């Protein structure tokens, strides 16, 4: 990867660049989500940041393809989603989104807010 690409704000999944038009749309929303994270996302982020757990670097509210994922580790090609109560009503959409992410070669793991808050080590 060229040096100028390494620091590009348009970096996408697995080190590849997201389409600029997609990033221009989703980038500001991702920044907003980082500023207004849920309590469970904050707890998990504090555990994952700075390679504290699993020894891998994670990004939060990261743009991949046409999605913003809660947490992403490029080294492990792992997406972690933290699902709040709203996800009780978005099951089909969540499954389709997960299938698209898996088609990109990513592994997707989902946790509920309750799981993060009550069993972080589990």
Protein backbone atom coordinates (compact mmCIF):
# COMPACT_ATOMS: atom_id res chain seq x y z
CA UNK A 1 0.00 0.00 0.00
CA UNK A 2 1.39 3.41 -0.89
CA UNK A 3 2.28 5.69 2.02
CA UNK A 4 -0.38 8.20 1.02
CA UNK A 5 -3.04 5.44 1.07
CA UNK A 6 -2.01 4.19 4.52
CA UNK A 7 -3.33 7.30 6.25
CA UNK A 8 -6.35 7.84 4.01
CA UNK A 9 -9.59 8.61 5.83
CA UNK A 10 -11.32 6.35 3.29
CA UNK A 11 -9.76 3.11 4.51
CA UNK A 12 -12.27 0.29 4.54
CA UNK A 13 -12.34 -3.35 5.54
CA UNK A 14 -9.13 -5.38 5.60
CA UNK A 15 -7.04 -2.35 4.67
CA UNK A 16 -8.83 -1.77 1.39
CA UNK A 17 -10.35 1.60 0.70
CA UNK A 18 -14.08 2.12 0.90
CA UNK A 19 -15.60 3.78 -2.12
CA UNK A 20 -15.16 7.54 -1.54
CA UNK A 21 -18.85 8.25 -2.20
CA UNK A 22 -19.84 5.62 0.38
CA UNK A 23 -17.35 6.93 2.93
CA UNK A 24 -18.49 10.52 2.37
CA UNK A 25 -22.00 9.42 3.31
CA UNK A 26 -21.20 7.01 6.15
CA UNK A 27 -18.05 8.61 7.59
CA UNK A 28 -19.83 11.49 9.34
CA UNK A 29 -22.46 9.09 10.72
CA UNK A 30 -19.71 6.79 12.04
CA UNK A 31 -18.07 9.74 13.80
CA UNK A 32 -21.44 10.68 15.32
CA UNK A 33 -21.96 7.11 16.55
CA UNK A 34 -18.48 7.15 18.16
CA UNK A 35 -19.41 10.29 20.07
CA UNK A 36 -22.79 8.90 21.14
CA UNK A 37 -22.00 5.27 21.92
CA UNK A 38 -24.27 3.18 24.09
CA UNK A 39 -23.20 2.25 27.59
CA UNK A 40 -22.54 -1.36 26.50
CA UNK A 41 -20.46 -0.18 23.51
CA UNK A 42 -18.44 2.03 25.87
CA UNK A 43 -17.76 -0.86 28.23
CA UNK A 44 -16.68 -3.15 25.39
CA UNK A 45 -14.57 -0.42 23.75
CA UNK A 46 -12.72 0.18 27.04
CA UNK A 47 -11.95 -3.54 27.15
CA UNK A 48 -10.84 -3.81 23.50
CA UNK A 49 -8.91 -0.60 22.93
CA UNK A 50 -5.12 -0.50 22.97
CA UNK A 51 -4.90 -4.26 22.33
CA UNK A 52 -5.98 -4.94 25.91
CA UNK A 53 -7.95 -8.06 25.03
CA UNK A 54 -7.07 -10.63 22.44
CA UNK A 55 -3.89 -8.70 21.56
CA UNK A 56 -5.45 -7.25 18.40
CA UNK A 57 -6.21 -3.71 17.32
CA UNK A 58 -9.91 -2.90 17.07
CA UNK A 59 -11.64 0.04 15.44
CA UNK A 60 -15.07 1.20 16.55
CA UNK A 61 -17.95 2.35 14.36
CA UNK A 62 -15.96 1.38 11.29
CA UNK A 63 -17.19 1.67 7.68
CA UNK A 64 -17.13 -1.64 5.79
CA UNK A 65 -18.70 -1.83 2.36
CA UNK A 66 -22.10 -0.16 2.87
CA UNK A 67 -22.27 -0.69 6.62
CA UNK A 68 -21.02 0.82 9.84
CA UNK A 69 -20.02 -2.00 12.19
CA UNK A 70 -19.68 -1.55 15.93
CA UNK A 71 -16.15 -3.00 16.24
CA UNK A 72 -13.73 -4.32 13.63
CA UNK A 73 -10.37 -6.09 13.83
CA UNK A 74 -8.61 -6.23 10.45
CA UNK A 75 -5.95 -8.69 11.67
CA UNK A 76 -8.57 -11.28 12.63
CA UNK A 77 -11.11 -10.19 9.97
CA UNK A 78 -13.59 -10.04 12.85
CA UNK A 79 -16.67 -7.87 13.26
CA UNK A 80 -18.27 -7.56 16.69
CA UNK A 81 -21.81 -6.23 16.91
CA UNK A 82 -23.46 -5.14 20.17
CA UNK A 83 -27.22 -5.48 19.85
CA UNK A 84 -29.60 -3.41 21.93
CA UNK A 85 -33.34 -3.85 22.33
CA UNK A 86 -34.09 -2.47 18.85
CA UNK A 87 -32.53 -5.58 17.32
CA UNK A 88 -35.50 -7.63 18.59
CA UNK A 89 -37.37 -6.12 15.63
CA UNK A 90 -34.63 -6.12 12.97
CA UNK A 91 -33.79 -9.83 12.79
CA UNK A 92 -34.18 -10.29 9.03
CA UNK A 93 -32.25 -7.12 8.24
CA UNK A 94 -29.50 -8.13 10.68
CA UNK A 95 -29.24 -11.58 9.06
CA UNK A 96 -28.97 -10.08 5.57
CA UNK A 97 -26.32 -7.62 6.75
CA UNK A 98 -24.37 -10.42 8.44
CA UNK A 99 -24.55 -12.55 5.28
CA UNK A 100 -23.13 -9.68 3.23
CA UNK A 101 -20.28 -9.13 5.69
CA UNK A 102 -19.52 -12.87 5.74
CA UNK A 103 -19.48 -12.86 1.92
CA UNK A 104 -16.59 -10.39 2.23
CA UNK A 105 -14.69 -13.04 4.18
CA UNK A 106 -15.38 -11.54 7.60
CA UNK A 107 -16.47 -13.36 10.74
CA UNK A 108 -19.35 -11.67 12.58
CA UNK A 109 -19.98 -12.16 16.30
CA UNK A 110 -23.02 -10.66 18.01
CA UNK A 111 -23.54 -9.90 21.68
CA UNK A 112 -26.51 -8.34 23.43
CA UNK A 113 -26.11 -5.28 25.63
CA UNK A 114 -26.94 -7.51 28.61
CA UNK A 115 -24.17 -9.98 27.73
CA UNK A 116 -21.60 -7.18 27.53
CA UNK A 117 -22.74 -5.57 30.77
CA UNK A 118 -23.09 -8.74 32.85
CA UNK A 119 -20.50 -11.13 31.40
CA UNK A 120 -17.69 -9.22 29.70
CA UNK A 121 -15.09 -11.90 30.38
CA UNK A 122 -17.39 -14.62 29.06
